[in-house]
Amino acid sequence: MLKLEGIATFVAIAEAGSISAAARRLSLSKSVVSERLVELERSLGAALFQRTTRKLTLTQDGSAFFDRAARILAEVNEATAEAAERRGTLEGPMRLSAPVTFGRMHLGPALYPFLALHPGISLTLELDDRRVDAAADGFDAVIRHGVVDDSRLVAWPLARSQRVLVASPAYLERHGRPESLDALAAHRAIYYFNRGIADWTFLGEAGPERIRPPAALRVNNGDVMRDAALAGLGVAMLPGFIVGPDIARGHLEVLDVGRQAPEEVIYLAHSEGRRASAKLRALVTFLREAFGDPPYWDAHLNPARQEAKSVPAPVGTIRTRP
């Protein structure tokens, strides 16, 4: 007799690509995951994976079974969620991915009261700066900062995000305060660098303007960028949710070069073919209220620009939810 836990384990292995990755996703030991797979294959009388020393690949039987198993599992999860909604409760597992710095500074503190309000929800939160695949990596949703550029996602904007140029008072005393893009080009830059070209983009009258000052540091972590700016290493372009507290304390100063960086959005996104559960919809509402509009972390950036307005949809062509 087939067991639902065995089907769920098989789907997790197929999506994650290995028993180890599936075990991490399911919060189980590798031995338990392997035992469930063996039991399922024994019940079906067929091998579902071709096993090699390096990877698992679906057999013909496994591929045919996966299509239906994934649909069955999705239907069961939706039916469970709908039953909980009818009882007026939010419960069950939820798995999210979010960037490290935003998750540590803002998402975590907002999630704690949400989980206290809904004790039936069991949340797994993975902080990772890489752009995970929401469907393939088994996440109910991902929280990202920037532009929605994946056609497989439906995005729910949570808050606006303003990026600003900052430098320490000590650095500005030594090197002067740039007041134009030409002057900024002569300064030392601290870049966010993640397998791309390091430069800065500003909104110009005729379109985007890009400059590339010499690099003092390239790094793929916002915390390290902020620390480098605090140490006086150079000028950094960072979102307000990272540098807001340092600006408020006077440890970093905002630079005005006559141009603004394009405004971005912090958003929650789920796979296009997946129905947004009541848990996710409740989380979106809760986070929007917790972050505010304008968001609380931008209060010290430029008060004159903080007039209230609705949260915009992310720039791009991907479908968004209000």
C-alpha atoms as a PDB file:
ATOM      1  CA  MET A   1       0.000   0.000   0.000  1.00  0.00           C
ATOM      2  CA  LEU A   2       1.364   3.415  -0.959  1.00  0.00           C
ATOM      3  CA  LYS A   3       1.960   5.896   1.841  1.00  0.00           C
ATOM      4  CA  LEU A   4       1.627   9.636   1.373  1.00  0.00           C
ATOM      5  CA  GLU A   5       4.901  10.240   3.221  1.00  0.00           C
ATOM      6  CA  GLY A   6       6.657   7.992   0.715  1.00  0.00           C
ATOM      7  CA  ILE A   7       5.157   9.901  -2.223  1.00  0.00           C
ATOM      8  CA  ALA A   8       6.162  13.222  -0.641  1.00  0.00           C
ATOM      9  CA  THR A   9       9.693  11.917  -0.111  1.00  0.00           C
ATOM     10  CA  PHE A  10       9.954  10.725  -3.718  1.00  0.00           C
ATOM     11  CA  VAL A  11       8.790  14.120  -5.026  1.00  0.00           C
ATOM     12  CA  ALA A  12      11.322  15.891  -2.800  1.00  0.00           C
ATOM     13  CA  ILE A  13      14.166  13.685  -4.094  1.00  0.00           C
ATOM     14  CA  ALA A  14      13.144  14.221  -7.714  1.00  0.00           C
ATOM     15  CA  GLU A  15      12.925  18.004  -7.284  1.00  0.00           C
ATOM     16  CA  ALA A  16      16.081  18.366  -5.172  1.00  0.00           C
ATOM     17  CA  GLY A  17      18.167  15.992  -7.291  1.00  0.00           C
ATOM     18  CA  SER A  18      19.640  13.926  -4.470  1.00  0.00           C
ATOM     19  CA  ILE A  19      18.768  12.105  -1.277  1.00  0.00           C
ATOM     20  CA  SER A  20      20.972  14.456   0.767  1.00  0.00           C
ATOM     21  CA  ALA A  21      19.253  17.571  -0.573  1.00  0.00           C
ATOM     22  CA  ALA A  22      15.814  16.015  -0.052  1.00  0.00           C
ATOM     23  CA  ALA A  23      16.739  15.119   3.528  1.00  0.00           C
ATOM     24  CA  ARG A  24      17.694  18.744   4.218  1.00  0.00           C
ATOM     25  CA  ARG A  25      14.458  19.958   2.679  1.00  0.00           C
ATOM     26  CA  LEU A  26      12.340  17.541   4.710  1.00  0.00           C
ATOM     27  CA  SER A  27      14.394  17.926   7.913  1.00  0.00           C
ATOM     28  CA  LEU A  28      14.952  14.169   8.000  1.00  0.00           C
ATOM     29  CA  SER A  29      18.022  11.961   8.129  1.00  0.00           C
ATOM     30  CA  LYS A  30      19.399  10.514   4.895  1.00  0.00           C
ATOM     31  CA  SER A  31      18.693   7.014   6.167  1.00  0.00           C
ATOM     32  CA  VAL A  32      14.990   7.764   6.697  1.00  0.00           C
ATOM     33  CA  VAL A  33      14.692   9.285   3.222  1.00  0.00           C
ATOM     34  CA  SER A  34      16.443   6.272   1.670  1.00  0.00           C
ATOM     35  CA  GLU A  35      14.206   3.840   3.564  1.00  0.00           C
ATOM     36  CA  ARG A  36      11.059   5.613   2.376  1.00  0.00           C
ATOM     37  CA  LEU A  37      12.244   5.518  -1.221  1.00  0.00           C
ATOM     38  CA  VAL A  38      13.082   1.817  -1.039  1.00  0.00           C
ATOM     39  CA  GLU A  39       9.671   1.080   0.510  1.00  0.00           C
ATOM     40  CA  LEU A  40       7.890   3.059  -2.227  1.00  0.00           C
ATOM     41  CA  GLU A  41       9.793   1.295  -5.000  1.00  0.00           C
ATOM     42  CA  ARG A  42       9.000  -2.061  -3.389  1.00  0.00           C
ATOM     43  CA  SER A  43       5.301  -1.182  -3.249  1.00  0.00           C
ATOM     44  CA  LEU A  44       5.288  -0.076  -6.898  1.00  0.00           C
ATOM     45  CA  GLY A  45       7.440  -2.960  -8.077  1.00  0.00           C
ATOM     46  CA  ALA A  46       9.569  -0.574 -10.123  1.00  0.00           C
ATOM     47  CA  ALA A  47      12.827   1.360  -9.830  1.00  0.00           C
ATOM     48  CA  LEU A  48      12.113   5.079  -9.812  1.00  0.00           C
ATOM     49  CA  PHE A  49      15.703   6.312 -10.057  1.00  0.00           C
ATOM     50  CA  GLN A  50      18.804   5.319 -11.956  1.00  0.00           C
ATOM     51  CA  ARG A  51      21.519   5.410  -9.308  1.00  0.00           C
ATOM     52  CA  THR A  52      25.145   6.272 -10.017  1.00  0.00           C
ATOM     53  CA  THR A  53      27.947   7.312  -7.698  1.00  0.00           C
ATOM     54  CA  ARG A  54      27.445  10.958  -8.672  1.00  0.00           C
ATOM     55  CA  LYS A  55      23.707  11.532  -9.097  1.00  0.00           C
ATOM     56  CA  LEU A  56      20.174  10.203  -9.308  1.00  0.00           C
ATOM     57  CA  THR A  57      18.153  10.396 -12.502  1.00  0.00           C
ATOM     58  CA  LEU A  58      14.537   9.414 -12.984  1.00  0.00           C
ATOM     59  CA  THR A  59      13.864   6.179 -14.828  1.00  0.00           C
ATOM     60  CA  GLN A  60      11.077   6.022 -17.383  1.00  0.00           C
ATOM     61  CA  ASP A  61       8.775   4.642 -14.690  1.00  0.00           C
ATOM     62  CA  GLY A  62       9.973   7.304 -12.260  1.00  0.00           C
ATOM     63  CA  SER A  63       9.334  10.120 -14.694  1.00  0.00           C
ATOM     64  CA  ALA A  64       5.802   8.915 -15.398  1.00  0.00           C
ATOM     65  CA  PHE A  65       5.077   8.449 -11.692  1.00  0.00           C
ATOM     66  CA  PHE A  66       6.529  11.865 -10.772  1.00  0.00           C
ATOM     67  CA  ASP A  67       4.082  13.817 -12.948  1.00  0.00           C
ATOM     68  CA  ARG A  68       1.083  12.313 -11.184  1.00  0.00           C
ATOM     69  CA  ALA A  69       2.692  12.126  -7.738  1.00  0.00           C
ATOM     70  CA  ALA A  70       3.498  15.850  -7.780  1.00  0.00           C
ATOM     71  CA  ARG A  71      -0.084  16.691  -8.728  1.00  0.00           C
ATOM     72  CA  ILE A  72      -1.477  14.385  -6.029  1.00  0.00           C
ATOM     73  CA  LEU A  73       0.787  15.923  -3.394  1.00  0.00           C
ATOM     74  CA  ALA A  74      -0.179  19.460  -4.431  1.00  0.00           C
ATOM     75  CA  GLU A  75      -3.882  18.552  -4.260  1.00  0.00           C
ATOM     76  CA  VAL A  76      -3.473  17.047  -0.789  1.00  0.00           C
ATOM     77  CA  ASN A  77      -1.596  20.114   0.454  1.00  0.00           C
ATOM     78  CA  GLU A  78      -4.244  22.447  -0.962  1.00  0.00           C
ATOM     79  CA  ALA A  79      -7.068  20.374   0.519  1.00  0.00           C
ATOM     80  CA  THR A  80      -5.351  20.458   3.920  1.00  0.00           C
ATOM     81  CA  ALA A  81      -4.891  24.220   3.704  1.00  0.00           C
ATOM     82  CA  GLU A  82      -8.513  24.751   2.658  1.00  0.00           C
ATOM     83  CA  ALA A  83      -9.743  22.651   5.586  1.00  0.00           C
ATOM     84  CA  ALA A  84      -7.684  24.773   7.969  1.00  0.00           C
ATOM     85  CA  GLU A  85      -9.064  27.951   6.372  1.00  0.00           C
ATOM     86  CA  ARG A  86     -12.633  26.748   6.888  1.00  0.00           C
ATOM     87  CA  ARG A  87     -11.838  26.213  10.568  1.00  0.00           C
ATOM     88  CA  GLY A  88     -10.527  29.771  10.700  1.00  0.00           C
ATOM     89  CA  THR A  89      -6.979  28.677  11.520  1.00  0.00           C
ATOM     90  CA  LEU A  90      -3.626  28.870   9.781  1.00  0.00           C
ATOM     91  CA  GLU A  91      -1.499  25.799  10.241  1.00  0.00           C
ATOM     92  CA  GLY A  92       0.959  23.460   8.595  1.00  0.00           C
ATOM     93  CA  PRO A  93       4.524  23.709   7.293  1.00  0.00           C
ATOM     94  CA  MET A  94       5.864  26.700   5.370  1.00  0.00           C
ATOM     95  CA  ARG A  95       9.332  26.973   3.837  1.00  0.00           C
ATOM     96  CA  LEU A  96      10.821  30.349   2.881  1.00  0.00           C
ATOM     97  CA  SER A  97      14.111  31.583   1.456  1.00  0.00           C
ATOM     98  CA  ALA A  98      15.407  35.126   2.030  1.00  0.00           C
ATOM     99  CA  PRO A  99      18.622  37.148   1.676  1.00  0.00           C
ATOM    100  CA  VAL A 100      20.979  36.914   4.647  1.00  0.00           C
ATOM    101  CA  THR A 101      21.222  40.559   5.738  1.00  0.00           C
ATOM    102  CA  PHE A 102      17.564  41.434   5.232  1.00  0.00           C
ATOM    103  CA  GLY A 103      16.520  38.238   6.936  1.00  0.00           C
ATOM    104  CA  ARG A 104      18.710  38.889   9.956  1.00  0.00           C
ATOM    105  CA  MET A 105      17.924  42.587  10.368  1.00  0.00           C
ATOM    106  CA  HIS A 106      14.241  42.854   9.409  1.00  0.00           C
ATOM    107  CA  LEU A 107      12.497  39.662   8.319  1.00  0.00           C
ATOM    108  CA  GLY A 108      13.311  37.642  11.424  1.00  0.00           C
ATOM    109  CA  PRO A 109      12.076  40.282  13.897  1.00  0.00           C
ATOM    110  CA  ALA A 110       8.852  40.609  11.857  1.00  0.00           C
ATOM    111  CA  LEU A 111       8.305  36.857  11.696  1.00  0.00           C
ATOM    112  CA  TYR A 112       8.506  36.216  15.439  1.00  0.00           C
ATOM    113  CA  PRO A 113       5.191  37.955  16.300  1.00  0.00           C
ATOM    114  CA  PHE A 114       3.569  36.441  13.181  1.00  0.00           C
ATOM    115  CA  LEU A 115       4.468  32.935  14.359  1.00  0.00           C
ATOM    116  CA  ALA A 116       3.325  33.736  17.896  1.00  0.00           C
ATOM    117  CA  LEU A 117      -0.008  34.832  16.428  1.00  0.00           C
ATOM    118  CA  HIS A 118      -0.306  31.602  14.405  1.00  0.00           C
ATOM    119  CA  PRO A 119       1.238  28.795  16.508  1.00  0.00           C
ATOM    120  CA  GLY A 120      -0.085  26.147  14.117  1.00  0.00           C
ATOM    121  CA  ILE A 121       2.417  27.228  11.437  1.00  0.00           C
ATOM    122  CA  SER A 122       5.765  25.427  11.365  1.00  0.00           C
ATOM    123  CA  LEU A 123       8.210  27.663   9.502  1.00  0.00           C
ATOM    124  CA  THR A 124      11.526  26.725   7.936  1.00  0.00           C
ATOM    125  CA  LEU A 125      13.502  29.854   6.991  1.00  0.00           C
ATOM    126  CA  GLU A 126      16.687  29.536   4.959  1.00  0.00           C
ATOM    127  CA  LEU A 127      18.874  32.631   4.621  1.00  0.00           C
ATOM    128  CA  ASP A 128      20.970  32.571   1.466  1.00  0.00           C
ATOM    129  CA  ASP A 129      22.151  35.334  -0.874  1.00  0.00           C
ATOM    130  CA  ARG A 130      22.090  33.082  -3.938  1.00  0.00           C
ATOM    131  CA  ARG A 131      18.986  33.207  -6.130  1.00  0.00           C
ATOM    132  CA  VAL A 132      17.367  29.886  -5.288  1.00  0.00           C
ATOM    133  CA  ASP A 133      14.827  28.233  -7.572  1.00  0.00           C
ATOM    134  CA  ALA A 134      11.544  28.401  -5.656  1.00  0.00           C
ATOM    135  CA  ALA A 135      10.042  25.308  -7.289  1.00  0.00           C
ATOM    136  CA  ALA A 136      13.100  23.111  -7.778  1.00  0.00           C
ATOM    137  CA  ASP A 137      14.434  23.825  -4.289  1.00  0.00           C
ATOM    138  CA  GLY A 138      11.072  23.140  -2.678  1.00  0.00           C
ATOM    139  CA  PHE A 139      10.246  26.564  -1.245  1.00  0.00           C
ATOM    140  CA  ASP A 140       6.692  27.752  -0.752  1.00  0.00           C
ATOM    141  CA  ALA A 141       7.979  31.262  -1.475  1.00  0.00           C
ATOM    142  CA  VAL A 142      11.150  33.314  -1.741  1.00  0.00           C
ATOM    143  CA  ILE A 143      11.714  36.843  -0.474  1.00  0.00           C
ATOM    144  CA  ARG A 144      13.928  38.937  -2.719  1.00  0.00           C
ATOM    145  CA  HIS A 145      15.190  42.468  -3.169  1.00  0.00           C
ATOM    146  CA  GLY A 146      15.386  44.112  -6.568  1.00  0.00           C
ATOM    147  CA  VAL A 147      13.690  43.340  -9.872  1.00  0.00           C
ATOM    148  CA  VAL A 148      11.337  40.460 -10.666  1.00  0.00           C
ATOM    149  CA  ASP A 149      12.983  38.807 -13.651  1.00  0.00           C
ATOM    150  CA  ASP A 150      11.777  35.198 -13.504  1.00  0.00           C
ATOM    151  CA  SER A 151       8.714  34.414 -15.640  1.00  0.00           C
ATOM    152  CA  ARG A 152       7.929  31.379 -13.473  1.00  0.00           C
ATOM    153  CA  LEU A 153       7.170  33.558 -10.437  1.00  0.00           C
ATOM    154  CA  VAL A 154       4.194  35.536  -9.172  1.00  0.00           C
ATOM    155  CA  ALA A 155       5.358  38.419  -6.967  1.00  0.00           C
ATOM    156  CA  TRP A 156       3.677  40.135  -4.008  1.00  0.00           C
ATOM    157  CA  PRO A 157       5.389  43.488  -3.251  1.00  0.00           C
ATOM    158  CA  LEU A 158       6.121  43.985   0.459  1.00  0.00           C
ATOM    159  CA  ALA A 159       7.958  47.315   0.674  1.00  0.00           C
ATOM    160  CA  ARG A 160       9.840  49.906  -1.313  1.00  0.00           C
ATOM    161  CA  SER A 161      13.620  49.932  -1.063  1.00  0.00           C
ATOM    162  CA  GLN A 162      15.792  52.973  -1.623  1.00  0.00           C
ATOM    163  CA  ARG A 163      19.523  52.619  -2.283  1.00  0.00           C
ATOM    164  CA  VAL A 164      21.851  55.452  -1.303  1.00  0.00           C
ATOM    165  CA  LEU A 165      25.517  56.353  -1.528  1.00  0.00           C
ATOM    166  CA  VAL A 166      27.185  56.399   1.874  1.00  0.00           C
ATOM    167  CA  ALA A 167      30.640  57.023   3.289  1.00  0.00           C
ATOM    168  CA  SER A 168      32.091  57.487   6.741  1.00  0.00           C
ATOM    169  CA  PRO A 169      32.813  61.000   8.080  1.00  0.00           C
ATOM    170  CA  ALA A 170      36.501  60.065   8.320  1.00  0.00           C
ATOM    171  CA  TYR A 171      36.628  59.056   4.649  1.00  0.00           C
ATOM    172  CA  LEU A 172      34.905  62.279   3.556  1.00  0.00           C
ATOM    173  CA  GLU A 173      37.283  64.349   5.652  1.00  0.00           C
ATOM    174  CA  ARG A 174      40.256  62.745   3.915  1.00  0.00           C
ATOM    175  CA  HIS A 175      38.921  62.648   0.345  1.00  0.00           C
ATOM    176  CA  GLY A 176      36.217  65.317   0.163  1.00  0.00           C
ATOM    177  CA  ARG A 177      32.485  65.063  -0.474  1.00  0.00           C
ATOM    178  CA  PRO A 178      31.523  64.345  -4.123  1.00  0.00           C
ATOM    179  CA  GLU A 179      28.575  66.445  -5.338  1.00  0.00           C
ATOM    180  CA  SER A 180      28.314  65.239  -8.952  1.00  0.00           C
ATOM    181  CA  LEU A 181      28.737  62.020 -10.899  1.00  0.00           C
ATOM    182  CA  ASP A 182      31.995  63.303 -12.357  1.00  0.00           C
ATOM    183  CA  ALA A 183      33.373  63.954  -8.879  1.00  0.00           C
ATOM    184  CA  LEU A 184      32.095  60.579  -7.656  1.00  0.00           C
ATOM    185  CA  ALA A 185      33.947  58.804 -10.467  1.00  0.00           C
ATOM    186  CA  ALA A 186      37.254  59.773  -8.852  1.00  0.00           C
ATOM    187  CA  HIS A 187      36.436  58.121  -5.506  1.00  0.00           C
ATOM    188  CA  ARG A 188      37.119  54.603  -4.288  1.00  0.00           C
ATOM    189  CA  ALA A 189      34.080  52.308  -4.572  1.00  0.00           C
ATOM    190  CA  ILE A 190      32.824  49.412  -2.472  1.00  0.00           C
ATOM    191  CA  TYR A 191      30.802  47.242  -4.850  1.00  0.00           C
ATOM    192  CA  TYR A 192      28.240  44.511  -4.440  1.00  0.00           C
ATOM    193  CA  PHE A 193      29.574  41.852  -6.774  1.00  0.00           C
ATOM    194  CA  ASN A 194      27.820  38.598  -7.630  1.00  0.00           C
ATOM    195  CA  ARG A 195      29.149  37.171 -10.895  1.00  0.00           C
ATOM    196  CA  GLY A 196      28.461  40.432 -12.739  1.00  0.00           C
ATOM    197  CA  ILE A 197      30.104  43.708 -13.724  1.00  0.00           C
ATOM    198  CA  ALA A 198      30.566  46.038 -10.772  1.00  0.00           C
ATOM    199  CA  ASP A 199      29.233  49.523 -11.472  1.00  0.00           C
ATOM    200  CA  TRP A 200      26.642  52.033 -10.229  1.00  0.00           C
ATOM    201  CA  THR A 201      23.445  52.967 -12.059  1.00  0.00           C
ATOM    202  CA  PHE A 202      21.586  56.272 -11.584  1.00  0.00           C
ATOM    203  CA  LEU A 203      18.407  57.739 -13.025  1.00  0.00           C
ATOM    204  CA  GLY A 204      19.364  60.404 -15.559  1.00  0.00           C
ATOM    205  CA  GLU A 205      17.255  62.815 -17.598  1.00  0.00           C
ATOM    206  CA  ALA A 206      17.909  60.821 -20.779  1.00  0.00           C
ATOM    207  CA  GLY A 207      17.823  57.381 -19.184  1.00  0.00           C
ATOM    208  CA  PRO A 208      20.057  55.269 -16.949  1.00  0.00           C
ATOM    209  CA  GLU A 209      23.568  56.609 -16.312  1.00  0.00           C
ATOM    210  CA  ARG A 210      26.295  54.175 -15.288  1.00  0.00           C
ATOM    211  CA  ILE A 211      29.652  54.994 -13.795  1.00  0.00           C
ATOM    212  CA  ARG A 212      32.429  52.726 -12.610  1.00  0.00           C
ATOM    213  CA  PRO A 213      34.775  54.332 -10.062  1.00  0.00           C
ATOM    214  CA  PRO A 214      37.891  52.345  -9.177  1.00  0.00           C
ATOM    215  CA  ALA A 215      37.144  49.492  -6.795  1.00  0.00           C
ATOM    216  CA  ALA A 216      38.446  49.390  -3.268  1.00  0.00           C
ATOM    217  CA  LEU A 217      36.459  46.202  -2.613  1.00  0.00           C
ATOM    218  CA  ARG A 218      34.109  43.864  -4.441  1.00  0.00           C
ATOM    219  CA  VAL A 219      32.077  41.524  -2.254  1.00  0.00           C
ATOM    220  CA  ASN A 220      28.761  39.643  -2.412  1.00  0.00           C
ATOM    221  CA  ASN A 221      27.527  40.518   1.074  1.00  0.00           C
ATOM    222  CA  GLY A 222      25.879  43.743   2.245  1.00  0.00           C
ATOM    223  CA  ASP A 223      27.099  43.424   5.845  1.00  0.00           C
ATOM    224  CA  VAL A 224      30.716  43.366   4.688  1.00  0.00           C
ATOM    225  CA  MET A 225      30.075  46.348   2.400  1.00  0.00           C
ATOM    226  CA  ARG A 226      28.650  48.356   5.295  1.00  0.00           C
ATOM    227  CA  ASP A 227      31.563  47.398   7.547  1.00  0.00           C
ATOM    228  CA  ALA A 228      34.035  48.458   4.851  1.00  0.00           C
ATOM    229  CA  ALA A 229      32.292  51.824   4.510  1.00  0.00           C
ATOM    230  CA  LEU A 230      32.341  52.272   8.303  1.00  0.00           C
ATOM    231  CA  ALA A 231      36.062  51.521   8.245  1.00  0.00           C
ATOM    232  CA  GLY A 232      36.580  54.393   5.785  1.00  0.00           C
ATOM    233  CA  LEU A 233      37.570  52.204   2.843  1.00  0.00           C
ATOM    234  CA  GLY A 234      35.458  54.068   0.289  1.00  0.00           C
ATOM    235  CA  VAL A 235      31.951  54.941  -0.941  1.00  0.00           C
ATOM    236  CA  ALA A 236      29.245  52.253  -0.987  1.00  0.00           C
ATOM    237  CA  MET A 237      25.800  52.100  -2.567  1.00  0.00           C
ATOM    238  CA  LEU A 238      23.564  50.223  -0.162  1.00  0.00           C
ATOM    239  CA  PRO A 239      19.847  49.856   0.598  1.00  0.00           C
ATOM    240  CA  GLY A 240      18.391  51.758   3.511  1.00  0.00           C
ATOM    241  CA  PHE A 241      17.442  48.564   5.291  1.00  0.00           C
ATOM    242  CA  ILE A 242      21.175  47.906   5.807  1.00  0.00           C
ATOM    243  CA  VAL A 243      22.574  51.376   6.535  1.00  0.00           C
ATOM    244  CA  GLY A 244      19.592  53.158   8.139  1.00  0.00           C
ATOM    245  CA  PRO A 245      20.788  52.631  11.747  1.00  0.00           C
ATOM    246  CA  ASP A 246      24.348  53.777  10.923  1.00  0.00           C
ATOM    247  CA  ILE A 247      23.022  56.926   9.236  1.00  0.00           C
ATOM    248  CA  ALA A 248      20.805  57.662  12.245  1.00  0.00           C
ATOM    249  CA  ARG A 249      23.819  57.352  14.582  1.00  0.00           C
ATOM    250  CA  GLY A 250      26.011  59.534  12.345  1.00  0.00           C
ATOM    251  CA  HIS A 251      28.447  56.731  11.588  1.00  0.00           C
ATOM    252  CA  LEU A 252      27.690  56.985   7.863  1.00  0.00           C
ATOM    253  CA  GLU A 253      26.636  59.998   5.804  1.00  0.00           C
ATOM    254  CA  VAL A 254      24.390  60.035   2.713  1.00  0.00           C
ATOM    255  CA  LEU A 255      25.963  61.614  -0.376  1.00  0.00           C
ATOM    256  CA  ASP A 256      23.978  63.760  -2.824  1.00  0.00           C
ATOM    257  CA  VAL A 257      25.474  63.697  -6.317  1.00  0.00           C
ATOM    258  CA  GLY A 258      22.421  65.110  -8.078  1.00  0.00           C
ATOM    259  CA  ARG A 259      21.149  61.699  -9.163  1.00  0.00           C
ATOM    260  CA  GLN A 260      19.174  58.939  -7.439  1.00  0.00           C
ATOM    261  CA  ALA A 261      19.629  55.199  -7.820  1.00  0.00           C
ATOM    262  CA  PRO A 262      16.542  53.419  -9.238  1.00  0.00           C
ATOM    263  CA  GLU A 263      14.095  52.504  -6.496  1.00  0.00           C
ATOM    264  CA  GLU A 264      13.709  48.779  -5.952  1.00  0.00           C
ATOM    265  CA  VAL A 265      11.200  46.562  -4.198  1.00  0.00           C
ATOM    266  CA  ILE A 266      11.317  43.860  -1.561  1.00  0.00           C
ATOM    267  CA  TYR A 267       8.861  41.184  -2.604  1.00  0.00           C
ATOM    268  CA  LEU A 268       7.612  37.707  -1.804  1.00  0.00           C
ATOM    269  CA  ALA A 269       7.260  35.382  -4.796  1.00  0.00           C
ATOM    270  CA  HIS A 270       5.934  31.891  -5.401  1.00  0.00           C
ATOM    271  CA  SER A 271       5.833  29.621  -8.437  1.00  0.00           C
ATOM    272  CA  GLU A 272       3.352  30.689 -11.106  1.00  0.00           C
ATOM    273  CA  GLY A 273       1.496  27.377 -11.154  1.00  0.00           C
ATOM    274  CA  ARG A 274       1.125  27.268  -7.384  1.00  0.00           C
ATOM    275  CA  ARG A 275      -1.906  28.628  -5.555  1.00  0.00           C
ATOM    276  CA  ALA A 276      -0.998  31.124  -2.850  1.00  0.00           C
ATOM    277  CA  SER A 277      -2.063  29.515   0.417  1.00  0.00           C
ATOM    278  CA  ALA A 278      -3.913  31.347   3.172  1.00  0.00           C
ATOM    279  CA  LYS A 279      -0.668  31.213   5.175  1.00  0.00           C
ATOM    280  CA  LEU A 280       1.239  33.075   2.468  1.00  0.00           C
ATOM    281  CA  ARG A 281      -1.491  35.649   1.965  1.00  0.00           C
ATOM    282  CA  ALA A 282      -1.628  36.289   5.711  1.00  0.00           C
ATOM    283  CA  LEU A 283       2.161  36.598   5.827  1.00  0.00           C
ATOM    284  CA  VAL A 284       2.176  39.160   2.995  1.00  0.00           C
ATOM    285  CA  THR A 285      -0.410  41.295   4.809  1.00  0.00           C
ATOM    286  CA  PHE A 286       1.450  41.033   8.100  1.00  0.00           C
ATOM    287  CA  LEU A 287       4.851  41.935   6.607  1.00  0.00           C
ATOM    288  CA  ARG A 288       3.467  44.917   4.682  1.00  0.00           C
ATOM    289  CA  GLU A 289       2.049  46.323   7.917  1.00  0.00           C
ATOM    290  CA  ALA A 290       5.225  45.541   9.873  1.00  0.00           C
ATOM    291  CA  PHE A 291       7.540  47.216   7.345  1.00  0.00           C
ATOM    292  CA  GLY A 292       5.278  50.234   6.695  1.00  0.00           C
ATOM    293  CA  ASP A 293       4.905  52.524   3.729  1.00  0.00           C
ATOM    294  CA  PRO A 294       7.273  54.252   3.533  1.00  0.00           C
ATOM    295  CA  PRO A 295       9.299  51.526   5.264  1.00  0.00           C
ATOM    296  CA  TYR A 296      10.642  52.345   8.702  1.00  0.00           C
ATOM    297  CA  TRP A 297      14.245  51.634   7.696  1.00  0.00           C
ATOM    298  CA  ASP A 298      14.264  54.527   5.190  1.00  0.00           C
ATOM    299  CA  ALA A 299      13.267  57.165   7.765  1.00  0.00           C
ATOM    300  CA  HIS A 300      16.773  58.645   8.036  1.00  0.00           C
ATOM    301  CA  LEU A 301      17.762  58.587   4.359  1.00  0.00           C
ATOM    302  CA  ASN A 302      16.066  61.707   3.056  1.00  0.00           C
ATOM    303  CA  PRO A 303      12.968  62.800   5.003  1.00  0.00           C
ATOM    304  CA  ALA A 304      11.840  65.108   2.195  1.00  0.00           C
ATOM    305  CA  ARG A 305      11.376  62.117  -0.122  1.00  0.00           C
ATOM    306  CA  GLN A 306       9.519  59.923   2.361  1.00  0.00           C
ATOM    307  CA  GLU A 307       5.973  61.006   1.499  1.00  0.00           C
ATOM    308  CA  ALA A 308       3.546  58.099   1.751  1.00  0.00           C
ATOM    309  CA  LYS A 309       2.567  56.333  -1.444  1.00  0.00           C
ATOM    310  CA  SER A 310       1.426  52.869  -2.370  1.00  0.00           C
ATOM    311  CA  VAL A 311       3.950  50.063  -2.647  1.00  0.00           C
ATOM    312  CA  PRO A 312       4.880  49.767  -6.341  1.00  0.00           C
ATOM    313  CA  ALA A 313       5.046  46.584  -8.326  1.00  0.00           C
ATOM    314  CA  PRO A 314       8.616  45.429  -9.063  1.00  0.00           C
ATOM    315  CA  VAL A 315      10.084  46.676 -12.329  1.00  0.00           C
ATOM    316  CA  GLY A 316       9.714  44.005 -14.985  1.00  0.00           C
ATOM    317  CA  THR A 317       7.142  42.102 -16.993  1.00  0.00           C
ATOM    318  CA  ILE A 318       6.358  39.365 -14.506  1.00  0.00           C
ATOM    319  CA  ARG A 319       2.834  39.058 -13.119  1.00  0.00           C
ATOM    320  CA  THR A 320       2.415  40.653  -9.704  1.00  0.00           C
ATOM    321  CA  ARG A 321      -0.260  40.586  -7.048  1.00  0.00           C
ATOM    322  CA  PRO A 322      -1.597  43.741  -5.331  1.00  0.00           C
END
